[in-house]
Structures are given as structure tokens and as C-alpha cells.
Amino acid sequence: MISIGIIGAGIVGERIIKQIQQENGVEILAVYDEQQERLETLHKTYGVPIAETLEEVLNSQIDWLYIGTPPSSHSAIARLAANAGIHVLSEKPLAHNVEDGEAMVKAAQDSRVQTAMHFPLMYSPSVREMAKRIRNGSIGKIVRVELQTFFPDWPRAWQQNPWIASRSQGGFVREVFPHYLQLIHRLFGELEIESHHITYPAQPDKCETGVIAQAVALQDEIPVLLTGLSGIGQKELLEFKVYGEKGVLTLENWSALYVSEKYEERKQLADLKPVPSLFEEMKKHSALLVPFEEGLIIQRYIDFLLTDKKS
């Protein structure tokens, strides 16, 4: 049994609550958010115990603290938890910037607490199957990796909050790209971003509207193309594609996995084998957890992509 406290009761916090309530051997001891009405709603809907302060959560005998607040607050909360000897599970991105992320890593290392990032793709049957096919050579030598993300609007309709469209904390590069950059890192190792171009609207407080970057996975010198665009005339589409000499794997809209072969229509891979959940891996202290150190690597990529340097 592991016990969890939750800080942040927004959309992602509510999703975590629902996920935990479907797990065995995991209990929520306290939930805190600055918006009292939101807390009361979650208490009535899910029956979760709520706290009046962050300190009350930290003192509630929890094993792990989940941080689901905006990125600018991650570092301070994580350091408080680490100093209290509590393991920390954080939403992505790791922090507001690399400096805050470095402080989180140091605090966790100094206190010798375990850390993890909430990257659901790591616990996806589709992604596990994709990784297996890449590693067993079934699609041949990898010649290119591409991430393409398209949004008719940002923020998305279900995602309205005061910060998700802000240049300081929001945008799809912070919210969506980390998932796939972390996956690329696990599959292909360190990236070097060789060139990038990012576009911003005229309003100085609004987040990016487009990015395109060319990178290389250094271990096998695999070219990587990263693109994102919002405010365009099509449905939302997220495609992560791995091109091999014998076949192509496409992870579409998070969970649909397709395989293509020469001259053949692509086929969706279904009936995939279930894999352990994030919380099952937390109970085992599994190597499949994404620690803060790995989150910091991804944070460096994100910070670089968000600069307006046009190289």
C-alpha cells in the first residue's frame, strides 16, 4: 500500500484522482488546492479527503506527494516535500525553467527521496509494443524520427485556465512536447537540437503558435524532426513516427499504433498486451519510472525550443 497527497485539483489533478481510485493498494490521504470551491466539488464527487493548507498535506503521513500545479510552483513544492522526506511525483514539464529543475533535482538527491514524472506514455501498451518492434529490428534500421503536432486552437476547449495560454508557463511546447521528447530520449538517447524556429503572436503575454526544429539522436545519428502548429484549419492531430528501412511505426493521438510496410496500407495494431500502470511501477520502485534527472534533460530541450533564436 502506498499513500499519496495531491497538490493541485485542476483537470490533471482530477484525472489522477480517478486513476488512483481504479488502482489497488493506493490511497489518497489529502488533496489541496487554493480554490476552495474546486476542492469541495472534488470531495463531493470522489469522496477524497481535502486539506486546508499545503503543510497539512505534507504532515498527513503520505509516502508520495503528487504535484499537479502550474510549472512555476513545482520547484518550491517539490523542495518542501523532499525536505520532509516525502517521495515526489510531478507533472510535466519538470519546472518553470532549467534553474528551478536543477533545484528540484538537488533537493531530492540531498534528501535521498525517490522522484518520478507523470509521463503516461511510459505505461502505454502501444508505446511498449512500439519500443519492442524498434529494438528487435522488425522495421529495420531507423532512418528518421518525426513528431508532428497540430491544434485547431490552443488552449484546447477542455483546457481553459488562466495560465495555459501564457507565454511564461503555457503553450503546447511545454504541455505536449515533453511527453514525446521523453519517449525519444528513452528510445534513442540524447538529442542535439541543431536548428529551430519558433513563432509567437504579437501579444507579448501569449504562448507560441508554431515551432519547427531539426535535431539528431546522437547515439545512432538519427535525424529527428519536431513540428508544432496551432490555430489552423484541421482537427487536432498528434503523430509520432519512426521510419525504418523495412517499415514505419506511427503512434497517433497518444494511443493508436500503426505499422506500415512497403507498398502496403498501414495496419492498426490492436489487442496489445496490458502493462503495469504508473502506480504499480511506483510500488516496485521500478526503473521504468522517469526520475527528476531525466525530467531535467527534457526541460533543457523545452527551454531551448522556447527561445526565439532563429538558427
Protein backbone atom coordinates (compact mmCIF):
# COMPACT_ATOMS: atom_id res chain seq x y z
CA MET A 1 0.00 0.00 0.00
CA ILE A 2 1.25 3.47 -0.85
CA SER A 3 -0.37 6.68 0.32
CA ILE A 4 -0.48 9.87 -1.74
CA GLY A 5 -1.15 13.53 -1.15
CA ILE A 6 -2.26 15.68 -4.08
CA ILE A 7 -1.44 19.34 -4.65
CA GLY A 8 -3.43 20.86 -7.49
CA ALA A 9 -7.05 19.98 -8.18
CA GLY A 10 -7.38 21.11 -11.77
CA ILE A 11 -8.05 18.92 -14.80
CA VAL A 12 -4.92 16.80 -14.45
CA GLY A 13 -5.36 16.52 -10.70
CA GLU A 14 -8.88 15.21 -11.18
CA ARG A 15 -7.60 12.69 -13.71
CA ILE A 16 -5.03 11.43 -11.22
CA ILE A 17 -7.74 11.04 -8.59
CA LYS A 18 -9.87 8.96 -10.96
CA GLN A 19 -6.86 6.87 -11.95
CA ILE A 20 -5.86 6.19 -8.34
CA GLN A 21 -9.38 5.15 -7.44
CA GLN A 22 -9.13 2.40 -10.05
CA GLU A 23 -5.87 1.09 -8.54
CA ASN A 24 -5.36 -1.50 -5.84
CA GLY A 25 -3.02 -0.71 -2.98
CA VAL A 26 -3.01 3.06 -3.43
CA GLU A 27 -4.83 5.54 -1.21
CA ILE A 28 -5.30 9.30 -1.27
CA LEU A 29 -4.82 10.85 2.18
CA ALA A 30 -5.23 14.53 1.33
CA VAL A 31 -5.95 16.88 -1.57
CA TYR A 32 -5.17 20.58 -1.53
CA ASP A 33 -5.83 23.42 -3.95
CA GLU A 34 -6.01 27.18 -3.45
CA GLN A 35 -9.50 27.18 -4.95
CA GLN A 36 -11.74 26.04 -2.11
CA GLU A 37 -14.82 25.61 -4.30
CA ARG A 38 -12.89 23.25 -6.55
CA LEU A 39 -11.80 21.21 -3.55
CA GLU A 40 -15.35 20.92 -2.27
CA THR A 41 -16.50 19.75 -5.71
CA LEU A 42 -13.87 17.00 -5.81
CA HIS A 43 -14.72 15.96 -2.26
CA LYS A 44 -18.41 15.62 -3.14
CA THR A 45 -17.73 13.89 -6.46
CA TYR A 46 -14.98 11.45 -5.44
CA GLY A 47 -15.11 11.38 -1.66
CA VAL A 48 -11.45 12.35 -1.32
CA PRO A 49 -10.22 13.92 1.93
CA ILE A 50 -9.32 17.57 1.50
CA ALA A 51 -6.81 19.74 3.34
CA GLU A 52 -6.86 23.42 4.23
CA THR A 53 -3.14 24.01 3.62
CA LEU A 54 -0.14 22.56 1.82
CA GLU A 55 1.50 21.98 5.20
CA GLU A 56 -1.45 19.83 6.26
CA VAL A 57 -0.86 17.59 3.24
CA LEU A 58 2.86 17.31 3.99
CA ASN A 59 2.07 16.31 7.58
CA SER A 60 -0.54 13.67 6.64
CA GLN A 61 1.78 10.63 6.74
CA ILE A 62 1.94 10.30 2.95
CA ASP A 63 4.55 8.26 1.09
CA TRP A 64 4.32 10.32 -2.11
CA LEU A 65 3.28 13.85 -2.99
CA TYR A 66 1.77 14.46 -6.45
CA ILE A 67 2.28 17.97 -7.84
CA GLY A 68 -0.34 18.99 -10.40
CA THR A 69 0.02 22.78 -10.17
CA PRO A 70 1.30 25.22 -12.84
CA PRO A 71 5.02 24.78 -13.67
CA SER A 72 6.21 27.89 -11.83
CA SER A 73 5.23 26.37 -8.48
CA HIS A 74 6.72 22.89 -8.96
CA SER A 75 10.17 23.66 -7.60
CA ALA A 76 9.11 25.21 -4.31
CA ILE A 77 6.58 22.47 -3.56
CA ALA A 78 8.95 19.64 -4.54
CA ARG A 79 11.70 21.03 -2.33
CA LEU A 80 9.34 21.23 0.65
CA ALA A 81 8.30 17.61 0.10
CA ALA A 82 11.87 16.39 -0.33
CA ASN A 83 12.99 18.19 2.82
CA ALA A 84 10.17 16.41 4.65
CA GLY A 85 11.41 13.03 3.38
CA ILE A 86 8.46 12.51 1.03
CA HIS A 87 8.83 10.97 -2.43
CA VAL A 88 7.65 13.28 -5.22
CA LEU A 89 5.61 12.64 -8.37
CA SER A 90 5.42 15.73 -10.59
CA GLU A 91 3.51 16.72 -13.65
CA LYS A 92 5.47 17.73 -16.70
CA PRO A 93 7.29 19.87 -17.51
CA LEU A 94 9.56 19.37 -14.53
CA ALA A 95 9.65 23.07 -13.67
CA HIS A 96 9.30 26.62 -14.93
CA ASN A 97 12.85 26.52 -16.29
CA VAL A 98 16.13 24.64 -16.05
CA GLU A 99 17.30 26.53 -12.95
CA ASP A 100 14.18 25.56 -11.00
CA GLY A 101 14.54 22.00 -12.26
CA GLU A 102 18.13 21.82 -11.06
CA ALA A 103 17.00 22.91 -7.60
CA MET A 104 14.39 20.13 -7.57
CA VAL A 105 16.96 17.50 -8.53
CA LYS A 106 19.41 18.70 -5.87
CA ALA A 107 16.78 18.74 -3.12
CA ALA A 108 15.69 15.18 -3.96
CA GLN A 109 19.28 13.93 -4.10
CA ASP A 110 20.21 15.65 -0.84
CA SER A 111 17.19 14.15 0.94
CA ARG A 112 17.53 10.77 -0.81
CA VAL A 113 13.87 10.64 -1.77
CA GLN A 114 12.58 8.93 -4.88
CA THR A 115 11.20 11.03 -7.70
CA ALA A 116 9.02 10.40 -10.74
CA MET A 117 7.47 12.36 -13.56
CA HIS A 118 3.94 11.79 -14.82
CA PHE A 119 4.60 10.62 -18.37
CA PRO A 120 1.66 8.30 -19.19
CA LEU A 121 3.21 7.17 -22.49
CA MET A 122 5.73 5.14 -20.49
CA TYR A 123 2.87 2.96 -19.20
CA SER A 124 1.04 2.58 -22.51
CA PRO A 125 0.66 -0.82 -24.22
CA SER A 126 1.01 0.89 -27.61
CA VAL A 127 4.29 2.52 -26.66
CA ARG A 128 5.68 -0.71 -25.19
CA GLU A 129 4.83 -2.52 -28.43
CA MET A 130 6.40 0.28 -30.44
CA ALA A 131 9.59 0.09 -28.40
CA LYS A 132 9.74 -3.69 -28.75
CA ARG A 133 9.45 -3.53 -32.54
CA ILE A 134 12.11 -0.84 -32.75
CA ARG A 135 14.54 -2.79 -30.59
CA ASN A 136 14.00 -6.20 -32.19
CA GLY A 137 14.71 -4.77 -35.64
CA SER A 138 11.36 -5.66 -37.18
CA ILE A 139 11.19 -2.32 -39.02
CA GLY A 140 14.85 -2.41 -39.94
CA LYS A 141 17.45 0.29 -39.49
CA ILE A 142 15.93 3.54 -38.20
CA VAL A 143 16.49 6.37 -40.67
CA ARG A 144 14.31 9.18 -39.26
CA VAL A 145 12.06 10.13 -36.35
CA GLU A 146 9.30 12.75 -36.63
CA LEU A 147 6.93 14.41 -34.20
CA GLN A 148 4.07 16.38 -35.75
CA THR A 149 1.52 18.16 -33.57
CA PHE A 150 -1.38 20.21 -34.93
CA PHE A 151 -4.02 22.06 -32.91
CA PRO A 152 -7.01 23.94 -34.35
CA ASP A 153 -6.93 26.08 -31.21
CA TRP A 154 -4.69 26.50 -28.19
CA PRO A 155 -5.73 26.19 -25.45
CA ARG A 156 -7.97 23.29 -26.35
CA ALA A 157 -11.66 23.61 -25.44
CA TRP A 158 -11.37 21.34 -22.37
CA GLN A 159 -8.19 23.00 -21.15
CA GLN A 160 -9.21 26.56 -20.26
CA ASN A 161 -7.39 28.05 -17.29
CA PRO A 162 -5.59 31.32 -16.52
CA TRP A 163 -2.08 30.12 -17.42
CA ILE A 164 -2.28 27.50 -20.18
CA ALA A 165 -2.14 30.12 -22.96
CA SER A 166 0.51 32.28 -21.29
CA ARG A 167 4.00 32.71 -22.66
CA SER A 168 5.52 32.37 -19.21
CA GLN A 169 4.03 28.97 -18.31
CA GLY A 170 1.74 27.60 -21.04
CA GLY A 171 1.80 26.57 -24.67
CA PHE A 172 1.92 23.23 -26.45
CA VAL A 173 5.72 23.06 -26.35
CA ARG A 174 5.54 22.86 -22.55
CA GLU A 175 2.34 20.84 -22.35
CA VAL A 176 2.62 18.30 -25.17
CA PHE A 177 6.20 18.14 -26.42
CA PRO A 178 7.67 16.81 -23.11
CA HIS A 179 5.78 13.53 -23.48
CA TYR A 180 7.31 12.81 -26.85
CA LEU A 181 10.75 14.23 -26.12
CA GLN A 182 10.94 11.92 -23.13
CA LEU A 183 9.88 8.99 -25.31
CA ILE A 184 12.52 9.89 -27.91
CA HIS A 185 15.10 10.10 -25.13
CA ARG A 186 14.21 6.62 -23.85
CA LEU A 187 14.18 5.07 -27.32
CA PHE A 188 17.11 6.80 -28.97
CA GLY A 189 19.17 8.59 -26.33
CA GLU A 190 20.46 12.13 -26.15
CA LEU A 191 19.29 14.72 -28.66
CA GLU A 192 21.19 17.64 -30.10
CA ILE A 193 18.89 20.33 -31.47
CA GLU A 194 20.76 21.72 -34.46
CA SER A 195 18.30 24.39 -35.59
CA HIS A 196 14.87 25.66 -34.68
CA HIS A 197 12.38 28.39 -35.45
CA ILE A 198 9.55 29.39 -33.11
CA THR A 199 6.74 31.86 -33.80
CA TYR A 200 4.91 33.98 -31.26
CA PRO A 201 1.82 36.19 -31.64
CA ALA A 202 2.03 39.97 -31.34
CA GLN A 203 0.64 39.88 -27.79
CA PRO A 204 3.73 39.61 -25.55
CA ASP A 205 1.95 37.54 -22.91
CA LYS A 206 0.66 34.83 -25.28
CA CYS A 207 2.32 31.47 -25.91
CA GLU A 208 3.86 30.19 -29.13
CA THR A 209 1.80 29.43 -32.24
CA GLY A 210 4.35 27.36 -34.14
CA VAL A 211 7.69 25.63 -33.85
CA ILE A 212 9.86 23.57 -36.14
CA ALA A 213 13.19 22.05 -35.13
CA GLN A 214 15.80 19.80 -36.64
CA ALA A 215 17.71 17.56 -34.25
CA VAL A 216 19.81 14.41 -34.24
CA ALA A 217 19.78 11.45 -31.84
CA LEU A 218 23.49 11.30 -31.19
CA GLN A 219 23.89 7.60 -30.37
CA ASP A 220 23.00 6.38 -33.87
CA GLU A 221 22.99 9.75 -35.66
CA ILE A 222 19.28 9.51 -36.43
CA PRO A 223 17.70 12.70 -37.84
CA VAL A 224 14.76 13.98 -35.77
CA LEU A 225 12.16 16.49 -36.96
CA LEU A 226 9.92 18.28 -34.44
CA THR A 227 6.97 20.38 -35.58
CA GLY A 228 4.02 22.03 -33.88
CA LEU A 229 1.35 24.42 -35.08
CA SER A 230 -1.82 25.90 -33.56
CA GLY A 231 -4.66 27.99 -34.90
CA ILE A 232 -5.04 26.05 -38.14
CA GLY A 233 -7.95 24.64 -40.16
CA GLN A 234 -7.91 20.97 -39.24
CA LYS A 235 -8.70 18.61 -36.40
CA GLU A 236 -6.15 18.06 -33.66
CA LEU A 237 -3.55 15.55 -34.77
CA LEU A 238 -0.53 14.18 -32.92
CA GLU A 239 1.74 11.85 -34.87
CA PHE A 240 4.96 10.31 -33.61
CA LYS A 241 6.58 8.39 -36.48
CA VAL A 242 9.63 6.16 -36.56
CA TYR A 243 10.82 5.42 -40.09
CA GLY A 244 12.72 2.20 -40.71
CA GLU A 245 14.09 0.67 -43.89
CA LYS A 246 11.61 -2.22 -43.59
CA GLY A 247 8.64 -0.49 -42.03
CA VAL A 248 7.23 2.61 -40.35
CA LEU A 249 5.60 2.83 -36.93
CA THR A 250 3.12 5.60 -36.20
CA LEU A 251 1.75 6.47 -32.76
CA GLU A 252 -1.31 8.60 -33.49
CA ASN A 253 -3.19 10.74 -30.97
CA TRP A 254 -1.43 9.21 -27.98
CA SER A 255 -2.55 5.60 -28.19
CA ALA A 256 -3.36 4.32 -31.71
CA LEU A 257 -0.38 2.37 -33.08
CA TYR A 258 0.02 1.63 -36.78
CA VAL A 259 2.62 -0.28 -38.77
CA SER A 260 3.33 0.24 -42.46
CA GLU A 261 5.32 -1.84 -44.92
CA LYS A 262 6.45 -1.11 -48.46
CA TYR A 263 3.58 -0.82 -50.93
CA GLU A 264 1.03 -1.81 -48.27
CA GLU A 265 -1.70 0.15 -46.48
CA ARG A 266 -0.89 0.82 -42.86
CA LYS A 267 -2.43 -1.54 -40.28
CA GLN A 268 -3.50 -0.71 -36.76
CA LEU A 269 -2.06 -2.96 -34.08
CA ALA A 270 -4.80 -3.97 -31.66
CA ASP A 271 -5.22 -6.43 -28.77
CA LEU A 272 -1.96 -5.31 -27.21
CA LYS A 273 -0.74 -6.91 -24.01
CA PRO A 274 -1.60 -4.90 -20.86
CA VAL A 275 1.34 -3.35 -18.99
CA PRO A 276 1.75 -2.23 -15.36
CA SER A 277 0.41 1.21 -14.52
CA LEU A 278 2.41 4.14 -13.20
CA PHE A 279 1.29 3.37 -9.66
CA GLU A 280 2.19 -0.31 -9.95
CA GLU A 281 5.66 0.77 -11.04
CA MET A 282 5.83 3.20 -8.11
CA LYS A 283 5.10 0.38 -5.69
CA LYS A 284 8.02 -1.60 -7.18
CA HIS A 285 10.37 1.41 -7.33
CA SER A 286 10.75 0.42 -10.97
CA ALA A 287 13.45 1.61 -13.37
CA LEU A 288 10.60 2.47 -15.74
CA LEU A 289 9.78 5.47 -13.59
CA VAL A 290 11.04 8.76 -15.05
CA PRO A 291 13.14 10.45 -12.34
CA PHE A 292 13.67 14.19 -11.98
CA GLU A 293 17.13 13.83 -13.51
CA GLU A 294 15.53 12.65 -16.75
CA GLY A 295 12.87 15.33 -16.49
CA LEU A 296 15.66 17.90 -16.29
CA ILE A 297 17.11 16.65 -19.59
CA ILE A 298 13.71 17.21 -21.19
CA GLN A 299 13.46 20.62 -19.52
CA ARG A 300 16.68 21.67 -21.25
CA TYR A 301 15.19 20.77 -24.64
CA ILE A 302 12.00 22.68 -23.84
CA ASP A 303 13.79 25.80 -22.68
CA PHE A 304 15.92 25.79 -25.82
CA LEU A 305 12.93 25.35 -28.16
CA LEU A 306 11.10 28.23 -26.48
CA THR A 307 13.86 30.73 -27.18
CA ASP A 308 13.13 32.98 -30.15
CA LYS A 309 16.55 32.37 -31.68
CA LYS A 310 16.17 31.57 -35.37
CA SER A 311 19.12 29.43 -36.30
